[in-house]
């Protein structure tokens, strides 16, 4: 299994960002802040630091968005065919499903595995539950799942989810969380700190069919931890 850490594309292009700290690591290249960036400069900086891209996190984009195919074409042209994490949008489910049906043939030609991310209830997103994502991935061969531990349902923990969806999961966003009644959820904590025993989950996942990439996705305040944890996991 591969391990990587998430880095925002705009940070790589920021001359004040010390990319050398990530030398030799794998990354998920994150386009949260937009896709209209200097892709050639990103690739050059990553190559210069011996950093491999193992997955791309696309900007939040609806299947009904007219720019979807252009973004997919650019991702394939710039970064190749690799797993691509995608947040489901807050959109009308009927409209999104029709757009997916209408564009399925065109999307499949890019050869990308589009891994739609889970979100907790209530999310207002057109699809977000792991079991619904699994059924969709069964129907469309180019779809998979990005399973985010921080986004797991409050009551049904990740063990139950992953026992069902592991074989359709291409990316796992590896971070922890803390939920206290009446308080705001603390998300994207280092994977060893929080409500879940994720060390045990890492051991068990290989036994339930997961063959994808673990992406450490921490809040930016934990930059030192994400680098150290990624190096430790890559050396296992």
C-alpha atoms as a PDB file:
ATOM      1  CA  UNK A   1       0.000   0.000   0.000  1.00  0.00           C
ATOM      2  CA  UNK A   2       1.100   3.551  -0.691  1.00  0.00           C
ATOM      3  CA  UNK A   3       1.239   6.411   1.803  1.00  0.00           C
ATOM      4  CA  UNK A   4       1.153  10.089   0.887  1.00  0.00           C
ATOM      5  CA  UNK A   5       0.424  13.453   2.467  1.00  0.00           C
ATOM      6  CA  UNK A   6      -1.840  16.186   1.155  1.00  0.00           C
ATOM      7  CA  UNK A   7      -0.330  19.437  -0.106  1.00  0.00           C
ATOM      8  CA  UNK A   8      -2.260  22.323  -1.618  1.00  0.00           C
ATOM      9  CA  UNK A   9      -1.144  23.298  -5.118  1.00  0.00           C
ATOM     10  CA  UNK A  10      -0.989  26.993  -4.215  1.00  0.00           C
ATOM     11  CA  UNK A  11       1.432  26.247  -1.376  1.00  0.00           C
ATOM     12  CA  UNK A  12       3.828  24.573  -3.799  1.00  0.00           C
ATOM     13  CA  UNK A  13       3.795  27.711  -5.953  1.00  0.00           C
ATOM     14  CA  UNK A  14       4.381  29.975  -2.932  1.00  0.00           C
ATOM     15  CA  UNK A  15       8.073  30.912  -2.842  1.00  0.00           C
ATOM     16  CA  UNK A  16       7.836  31.173   0.960  1.00  0.00           C
ATOM     17  CA  UNK A  17       6.760  27.523   1.288  1.00  0.00           C
ATOM     18  CA  UNK A  18       9.619  25.158   2.155  1.00  0.00           C
ATOM     19  CA  UNK A  19       8.936  22.242  -0.170  1.00  0.00           C
ATOM     20  CA  UNK A  20      12.311  20.676   0.612  1.00  0.00           C
ATOM     21  CA  UNK A  21      10.879  19.339   3.899  1.00  0.00           C
ATOM     22  CA  UNK A  22       8.781  16.946   1.807  1.00  0.00           C
ATOM     23  CA  UNK A  23      11.695  15.554  -0.217  1.00  0.00           C
ATOM     24  CA  UNK A  24      11.234  11.903  -1.091  1.00  0.00           C
ATOM     25  CA  UNK A  25       7.609  11.750   0.033  1.00  0.00           C
ATOM     26  CA  UNK A  26       4.478  10.916  -1.945  1.00  0.00           C
ATOM     27  CA  UNK A  27       1.704  13.502  -2.058  1.00  0.00           C
ATOM     28  CA  UNK A  28      -1.907  14.003  -2.963  1.00  0.00           C
ATOM     29  CA  UNK A  29      -1.916  17.245  -4.948  1.00  0.00           C
ATOM     30  CA  UNK A  30      -4.806  19.294  -3.629  1.00  0.00           C
ATOM     31  CA  UNK A  31      -6.691  21.879  -5.688  1.00  0.00           C
ATOM     32  CA  UNK A  32      -9.072  23.140  -2.980  1.00  0.00           C
ATOM     33  CA  UNK A  33      -8.327  26.737  -3.942  1.00  0.00           C
ATOM     34  CA  UNK A  34      -8.853  26.341  -7.662  1.00  0.00           C
ATOM     35  CA  UNK A  35      -7.474  24.587 -10.694  1.00  0.00           C
ATOM     36  CA  UNK A  36      -6.280  27.545 -12.770  1.00  0.00           C
ATOM     37  CA  UNK A  37      -2.630  27.360 -11.697  1.00  0.00           C
ATOM     38  CA  UNK A  38       0.788  26.934 -13.306  1.00  0.00           C
ATOM     39  CA  UNK A  39       0.831  23.146 -13.602  1.00  0.00           C
ATOM     40  CA  UNK A  40       4.228  23.032 -15.316  1.00  0.00           C
ATOM     41  CA  UNK A  41       5.809  24.948 -12.408  1.00  0.00           C
ATOM     42  CA  UNK A  42       4.201  22.559  -9.910  1.00  0.00           C
ATOM     43  CA  UNK A  43       5.533  19.506 -11.712  1.00  0.00           C
ATOM     44  CA  UNK A  44       8.997  21.055 -11.993  1.00  0.00           C
ATOM     45  CA  UNK A  45       9.177  21.862  -8.270  1.00  0.00           C
ATOM     46  CA  UNK A  46       7.962  18.414  -7.276  1.00  0.00           C
ATOM     47  CA  UNK A  47      10.411  16.656  -9.593  1.00  0.00           C
ATOM     48  CA  UNK A  48      13.228  18.781  -8.197  1.00  0.00           C
ATOM     49  CA  UNK A  49      12.449  17.494  -4.711  1.00  0.00           C
ATOM     50  CA  UNK A  50      11.894  13.859  -5.705  1.00  0.00           C
ATOM     51  CA  UNK A  51       8.217  14.064  -4.742  1.00  0.00           C
ATOM     52  CA  UNK A  52       5.776  11.693  -6.440  1.00  0.00           C
ATOM     53  CA  UNK A  53       2.099  12.490  -6.973  1.00  0.00           C
ATOM     54  CA  UNK A  54       0.032   9.408  -6.140  1.00  0.00           C
ATOM     55  CA  UNK A  55      -3.411  11.073  -6.347  1.00  0.00           C
ATOM     56  CA  UNK A  56      -5.045  14.391  -7.143  1.00  0.00           C
ATOM     57  CA  UNK A  57      -7.767  16.110  -5.141  1.00  0.00           C
ATOM     58  CA  UNK A  58      -9.887  17.940  -7.697  1.00  0.00           C
ATOM     59  CA  UNK A  59     -11.691  21.181  -6.905  1.00  0.00           C
ATOM     60  CA  UNK A  60     -15.290  20.726  -5.792  1.00  0.00           C
ATOM     61  CA  UNK A  61     -17.086  20.278  -9.093  1.00  0.00           C
ATOM     62  CA  UNK A  62     -20.555  19.017  -9.956  1.00  0.00           C
ATOM     63  CA  UNK A  63     -21.064  16.406 -12.656  1.00  0.00           C
ATOM     64  CA  UNK A  64     -23.514  18.913 -14.152  1.00  0.00           C
ATOM     65  CA  UNK A  65     -20.795  21.589 -14.335  1.00  0.00           C
ATOM     66  CA  UNK A  66     -19.889  22.367 -17.953  1.00  0.00           C
ATOM     67  CA  UNK A  67     -16.200  22.592 -16.989  1.00  0.00           C
ATOM     68  CA  UNK A  68     -16.001  19.042 -15.632  1.00  0.00           C
ATOM     69  CA  UNK A  69     -14.642  17.400 -18.780  1.00  0.00           C
ATOM     70  CA  UNK A  70     -12.088  20.189 -19.273  1.00  0.00           C
ATOM     71  CA  UNK A  71     -10.769  19.667 -15.727  1.00  0.00           C
ATOM     72  CA  UNK A  72     -10.548  15.896 -16.234  1.00  0.00           C
ATOM     73  CA  UNK A  73      -8.718  16.393 -19.525  1.00  0.00           C
ATOM     74  CA  UNK A  74      -6.230  18.729 -17.829  1.00  0.00           C
ATOM     75  CA  UNK A  75      -5.643  16.362 -14.904  1.00  0.00           C
ATOM     76  CA  UNK A  76      -4.922  13.477 -17.253  1.00  0.00           C
ATOM     77  CA  UNK A  77      -2.724  15.615 -19.505  1.00  0.00           C
ATOM     78  CA  UNK A  78      -0.715  17.145 -16.667  1.00  0.00           C
ATOM     79  CA  UNK A  79      -0.553  14.324 -14.125  1.00  0.00           C
ATOM     80  CA  UNK A  80      -1.549  11.106 -15.887  1.00  0.00           C
ATOM     81  CA  UNK A  81      -4.172   8.530 -14.993  1.00  0.00           C
ATOM     82  CA  UNK A  82      -4.320   8.225 -11.240  1.00  0.00           C
ATOM     83  CA  UNK A  83      -6.981   8.170  -8.506  1.00  0.00           C
ATOM     84  CA  UNK A  84      -8.763  11.491  -8.138  1.00  0.00           C
ATOM     85  CA  UNK A  85     -10.585  12.528  -4.958  1.00  0.00           C
ATOM     86  CA  UNK A  86     -13.759  14.542  -5.520  1.00  0.00           C
ATOM     87  CA  UNK A  87     -16.088  16.176  -3.003  1.00  0.00           C
ATOM     88  CA  UNK A  88     -19.763  15.644  -3.815  1.00  0.00           C
ATOM     89  CA  UNK A  89     -21.463  18.980  -4.318  1.00  0.00           C
ATOM     90  CA  UNK A  90     -24.433  20.499  -2.544  1.00  0.00           C
ATOM     91  CA  UNK A  91     -26.670  20.004  -5.559  1.00  0.00           C
ATOM     92  CA  UNK A  92     -29.913  18.443  -6.705  1.00  0.00           C
ATOM     93  CA  UNK A  93     -29.519  14.652  -6.687  1.00  0.00           C
ATOM     94  CA  UNK A  94     -31.765  14.060  -9.708  1.00  0.00           C
ATOM     95  CA  UNK A  95     -29.876  16.626 -11.777  1.00  0.00           C
ATOM     96  CA  UNK A  96     -26.479  15.233 -10.768  1.00  0.00           C
ATOM     97  CA  UNK A  97     -27.473  11.656 -11.501  1.00  0.00           C
ATOM     98  CA  UNK A  98     -28.765  12.630 -14.961  1.00  0.00           C
ATOM     99  CA  UNK A  99     -25.544  14.513 -15.709  1.00  0.00           C
ATOM    100  CA  UNK A 100     -23.522  11.471 -14.646  1.00  0.00           C
ATOM    101  CA  UNK A 101     -25.589   9.196 -16.900  1.00  0.00           C
ATOM    102  CA  UNK A 102     -25.288  11.597 -19.833  1.00  0.00           C
ATOM    103  CA  UNK A 103     -21.501  12.044 -19.534  1.00  0.00           C
ATOM    104  CA  UNK A 104     -20.498   8.554 -18.386  1.00  0.00           C
ATOM    105  CA  UNK A 105     -19.011   7.499 -21.742  1.00  0.00           C
ATOM    106  CA  UNK A 106     -17.015  10.720 -22.112  1.00  0.00           C
ATOM    107  CA  UNK A 107     -15.751  10.541 -18.510  1.00  0.00           C
ATOM    108  CA  UNK A 108     -14.669   6.923 -18.804  1.00  0.00           C
ATOM    109  CA  UNK A 109     -12.434   7.692 -21.791  1.00  0.00           C
ATOM    110  CA  UNK A 110     -10.054   9.676 -19.558  1.00  0.00           C
ATOM    111  CA  UNK A 111      -9.094   6.534 -17.645  1.00  0.00           C
ATOM    112  CA  UNK A 112      -9.227   8.284 -14.265  1.00  0.00           C
ATOM    113  CA  UNK A 113     -10.659   6.658 -11.164  1.00  0.00           C
ATOM    114  CA  UNK A 114     -12.904   9.348  -9.700  1.00  0.00           C
ATOM    115  CA  UNK A 115     -13.216   8.642  -5.974  1.00  0.00           C
ATOM    116  CA  UNK A 116     -16.155  10.502  -4.449  1.00  0.00           C
ATOM    117  CA  UNK A 117     -15.681  11.419  -0.794  1.00  0.00           C
ATOM    118  CA  UNK A 118     -17.955  10.473   2.095  1.00  0.00           C
ATOM    119  CA  UNK A 119     -19.505  13.135   4.348  1.00  0.00           C
ATOM    120  CA  UNK A 120     -21.435  12.848   7.622  1.00  0.00           C
ATOM    121  CA  UNK A 121     -25.161  13.443   8.044  1.00  0.00           C
ATOM    122  CA  UNK A 122     -26.641  15.939   7.488  1.00  0.00           C
ATOM    123  CA  UNK A 123     -24.390  17.150   4.676  1.00  0.00           C
ATOM    124  CA  UNK A 124     -26.886  18.469   2.099  1.00  0.00           C
ATOM    125  CA  UNK A 125     -24.713  16.887  -0.581  1.00  0.00           C
ATOM    126  CA  UNK A 126     -26.334  14.991  -3.412  1.00  0.00           C
ATOM    127  CA  UNK A 127     -24.593  11.794  -2.308  1.00  0.00           C
ATOM    128  CA  UNK A 128     -22.402  11.220   0.729  1.00  0.00           C
ATOM    129  CA  UNK A 129     -23.127   7.959   2.562  1.00  0.00           C
ATOM    130  CA  UNK A 130     -20.541   5.188   2.037  1.00  0.00           C
ATOM    131  CA  UNK A 131     -23.156   2.574   1.108  1.00  0.00           C
ATOM    132  CA  UNK A 132     -24.689   4.897  -1.514  1.00  0.00           C
ATOM    133  CA  UNK A 133     -21.236   5.677  -2.896  1.00  0.00           C
ATOM    134  CA  UNK A 134     -20.540   1.945  -3.073  1.00  0.00           C
ATOM    135  CA  UNK A 135     -23.677   1.271  -5.105  1.00  0.00           C
ATOM    136  CA  UNK A 136     -22.772   4.097  -7.476  1.00  0.00           C
ATOM    137  CA  UNK A 137     -19.249   2.698  -7.919  1.00  0.00           C
ATOM    138  CA  UNK A 138     -20.738  -0.714  -8.715  1.00  0.00           C
ATOM    139  CA  UNK A 139     -22.747   0.888 -11.501  1.00  0.00           C
ATOM    140  CA  UNK A 140     -20.005   3.067 -13.015  1.00  0.00           C
ATOM    141  CA  UNK A 141     -16.582   1.393 -13.381  1.00  0.00           C
ATOM    142  CA  UNK A 142     -14.718   4.720 -13.414  1.00  0.00           C
ATOM    143  CA  UNK A 143     -16.062   5.671  -9.971  1.00  0.00           C
ATOM    144  CA  UNK A 144     -14.649   4.738  -6.584  1.00  0.00           C
ATOM    145  CA  UNK A 145     -14.688   6.056  -3.039  1.00  0.00           C
ATOM    146  CA  UNK A 146     -12.493   8.405  -1.045  1.00  0.00           C
ATOM    147  CA  UNK A 147     -13.084   7.415   2.571  1.00  0.00           C
ATOM    148  CA  UNK A 148     -12.273  10.201   5.033  1.00  0.00           C
ATOM    149  CA  UNK A 149     -12.042   9.073   8.665  1.00  0.00           C
ATOM    150  CA  UNK A 150     -12.768  12.609   9.887  1.00  0.00           C
ATOM    151  CA  UNK A 151     -16.009  12.556   7.876  1.00  0.00           C
ATOM    152  CA  UNK A 152     -17.266   9.254   9.290  1.00  0.00           C
ATOM    153  CA  UNK A 153     -20.818   9.263  10.603  1.00  0.00           C
ATOM    154  CA  UNK A 154     -21.009  10.304  14.253  1.00  0.00           C
ATOM    155  CA  UNK A 155     -22.526   7.009  15.374  1.00  0.00           C
ATOM    156  CA  UNK A 156     -21.569   4.382  12.758  1.00  0.00           C
ATOM    157  CA  UNK A 157     -17.797   4.231  13.007  1.00  0.00           C
ATOM    158  CA  UNK A 158     -15.340   3.632  10.155  1.00  0.00           C
ATOM    159  CA  UNK A 159     -14.872  -0.075  10.869  1.00  0.00           C
ATOM    160  CA  UNK A 160     -18.465  -0.822   9.874  1.00  0.00           C
ATOM    161  CA  UNK A 161     -18.257   1.420   6.803  1.00  0.00           C
ATOM    162  CA  UNK A 162     -14.979   0.039   5.522  1.00  0.00           C
ATOM    163  CA  UNK A 163     -15.947  -3.588   5.977  1.00  0.00           C
ATOM    164  CA  UNK A 164     -18.583  -2.856   3.335  1.00  0.00           C
ATOM    165  CA  UNK A 165     -16.844  -0.458   0.930  1.00  0.00           C
ATOM    166  CA  UNK A 166     -13.106  -1.303   1.066  1.00  0.00           C
ATOM    167  CA  UNK A 167     -12.939  -3.035  -2.328  1.00  0.00           C
ATOM    168  CA  UNK A 168     -14.347   0.086  -4.071  1.00  0.00           C
ATOM    169  CA  UNK A 169     -12.220   2.529  -2.080  1.00  0.00           C
ATOM    170  CA  UNK A 170      -9.287   4.006  -4.004  1.00  0.00           C
ATOM    171  CA  UNK A 171      -8.164   6.627  -1.477  1.00  0.00           C
ATOM    172  CA  UNK A 172      -8.349   6.826   2.306  1.00  0.00           C
ATOM    173  CA  UNK A 173      -7.905  10.242   3.884  1.00  0.00           C
ATOM    174  CA  UNK A 174      -6.038   9.340   7.029  1.00  0.00           C
ATOM    175  CA  UNK A 175      -6.601  11.684   9.946  1.00  0.00           C
ATOM    176  CA  UNK A 176      -8.342  11.497  13.294  1.00  0.00           C
ATOM    177  CA  UNK A 177     -11.023  13.532  15.021  1.00  0.00           C
ATOM    178  CA  UNK A 178     -12.534  14.285  18.414  1.00  0.00           C
ATOM    179  CA  UNK A 179     -16.269  14.680  18.968  1.00  0.00           C
ATOM    180  CA  UNK A 180     -17.547  16.057  22.271  1.00  0.00           C
ATOM    181  CA  UNK A 181     -21.292  16.595  22.882  1.00  0.00           C
ATOM    182  CA  UNK A 182     -22.333  20.176  22.240  1.00  0.00           C
ATOM    183  CA  UNK A 183     -18.930  21.204  20.854  1.00  0.00           C
ATOM    184  CA  UNK A 184     -17.669  21.774  17.337  1.00  0.00           C
ATOM    185  CA  UNK A 185     -16.021  18.670  15.869  1.00  0.00           C
ATOM    186  CA  UNK A 186     -12.219  18.731  15.859  1.00  0.00           C
ATOM    187  CA  UNK A 187     -11.307  17.355  12.427  1.00  0.00           C
ATOM    188  CA  UNK A 188      -8.157  16.373  10.549  1.00  0.00           C
ATOM    189  CA  UNK A 189      -6.020  15.713  13.595  1.00  0.00           C
ATOM    190  CA  UNK A 190      -2.844  13.593  13.377  1.00  0.00           C
ATOM    191  CA  UNK A 191      -3.928  10.005  12.915  1.00  0.00           C
ATOM    192  CA  UNK A 192      -2.588   8.816  16.299  1.00  0.00           C
ATOM    193  CA  UNK A 193      -4.606  11.389  18.274  1.00  0.00           C
ATOM    194  CA  UNK A 194      -8.356  11.223  18.528  1.00  0.00           C
ATOM    195  CA  UNK A 195     -11.419   9.043  18.912  1.00  0.00           C
ATOM    196  CA  UNK A 196     -10.330   6.250  16.558  1.00  0.00           C
ATOM    197  CA  UNK A 197      -7.623   3.616  16.971  1.00  0.00           C
ATOM    198  CA  UNK A 198      -6.320   4.099  13.446  1.00  0.00           C
ATOM    199  CA  UNK A 199      -3.145   2.080  13.968  1.00  0.00           C
ATOM    200  CA  UNK A 200      -5.378  -0.956  14.390  1.00  0.00           C
ATOM    201  CA  UNK A 201      -7.455   0.081  11.375  1.00  0.00           C
ATOM    202  CA  UNK A 202      -4.322   0.263   9.202  1.00  0.00           C
ATOM    203  CA  UNK A 203      -3.507  -3.332  10.105  1.00  0.00           C
ATOM    204  CA  UNK A 204      -7.049  -4.536   9.443  1.00  0.00           C
ATOM    205  CA  UNK A 205      -7.607  -2.746   6.139  1.00  0.00           C
ATOM    206  CA  UNK A 206      -5.317  -5.007   4.148  1.00  0.00           C
ATOM    207  CA  UNK A 207      -7.408  -7.952   5.345  1.00  0.00           C
ATOM    208  CA  UNK A 208     -10.688  -6.498   4.013  1.00  0.00           C
ATOM    209  CA  UNK A 209      -9.639  -5.752   0.454  1.00  0.00           C
ATOM    210  CA  UNK A 210      -8.170  -2.232   0.500  1.00  0.00           C
ATOM    211  CA  UNK A 211      -5.417  -1.840  -2.100  1.00  0.00           C
ATOM    212  CA  UNK A 212      -5.421   1.921  -2.616  1.00  0.00           C
ATOM    213  CA  UNK A 213      -3.482   4.861  -1.202  1.00  0.00           C
ATOM    214  CA  UNK A 214      -3.523   6.281   2.326  1.00  0.00           C
ATOM    215  CA  UNK A 215      -3.353  10.074   2.204  1.00  0.00           C
ATOM    216  CA  UNK A 216      -2.537  11.851   5.440  1.00  0.00           C
ATOM    217  CA  UNK A 217      -4.786  14.915   5.456  1.00  0.00           C
ATOM    218  CA  UNK A 218      -4.065  17.047   8.522  1.00  0.00           C
ATOM    219  CA  UNK A 219      -4.984  20.599   9.462  1.00  0.00           C
ATOM    220  CA  UNK A 220      -2.149  22.930   8.447  1.00  0.00           C
ATOM    221  CA  UNK A 221      -1.186  23.511  12.081  1.00  0.00           C
ATOM    222  CA  UNK A 222       0.179  19.957  12.104  1.00  0.00           C
ATOM    223  CA  UNK A 223       2.700  20.281   9.265  1.00  0.00           C
ATOM    224  CA  UNK A 224       5.587  18.784  11.256  1.00  0.00           C
ATOM    225  CA  UNK A 225       3.420  15.828  12.283  1.00  0.00           C
ATOM    226  CA  UNK A 226       2.186  15.077   8.769  1.00  0.00           C
ATOM    227  CA  UNK A 227       5.747  14.928   7.441  1.00  0.00           C
ATOM    228  CA  UNK A 228       7.007  12.760  10.306  1.00  0.00           C
ATOM    229  CA  UNK A 229       4.013  10.413  10.185  1.00  0.00           C
ATOM    230  CA  UNK A 230       4.224  10.003   6.414  1.00  0.00           C
ATOM    231  CA  UNK A 231       7.920   9.150   6.564  1.00  0.00           C
ATOM    232  CA  UNK A 232       7.306   6.643   9.349  1.00  0.00           C
ATOM    233  CA  UNK A 233       4.477   4.925   7.448  1.00  0.00           C
ATOM    234  CA  UNK A 234       6.445   4.806   4.189  1.00  0.00           C
ATOM    235  CA  UNK A 235       9.282   3.014   6.009  1.00  0.00           C
ATOM    236  CA  UNK A 236       7.045   0.247   7.418  1.00  0.00           C
END
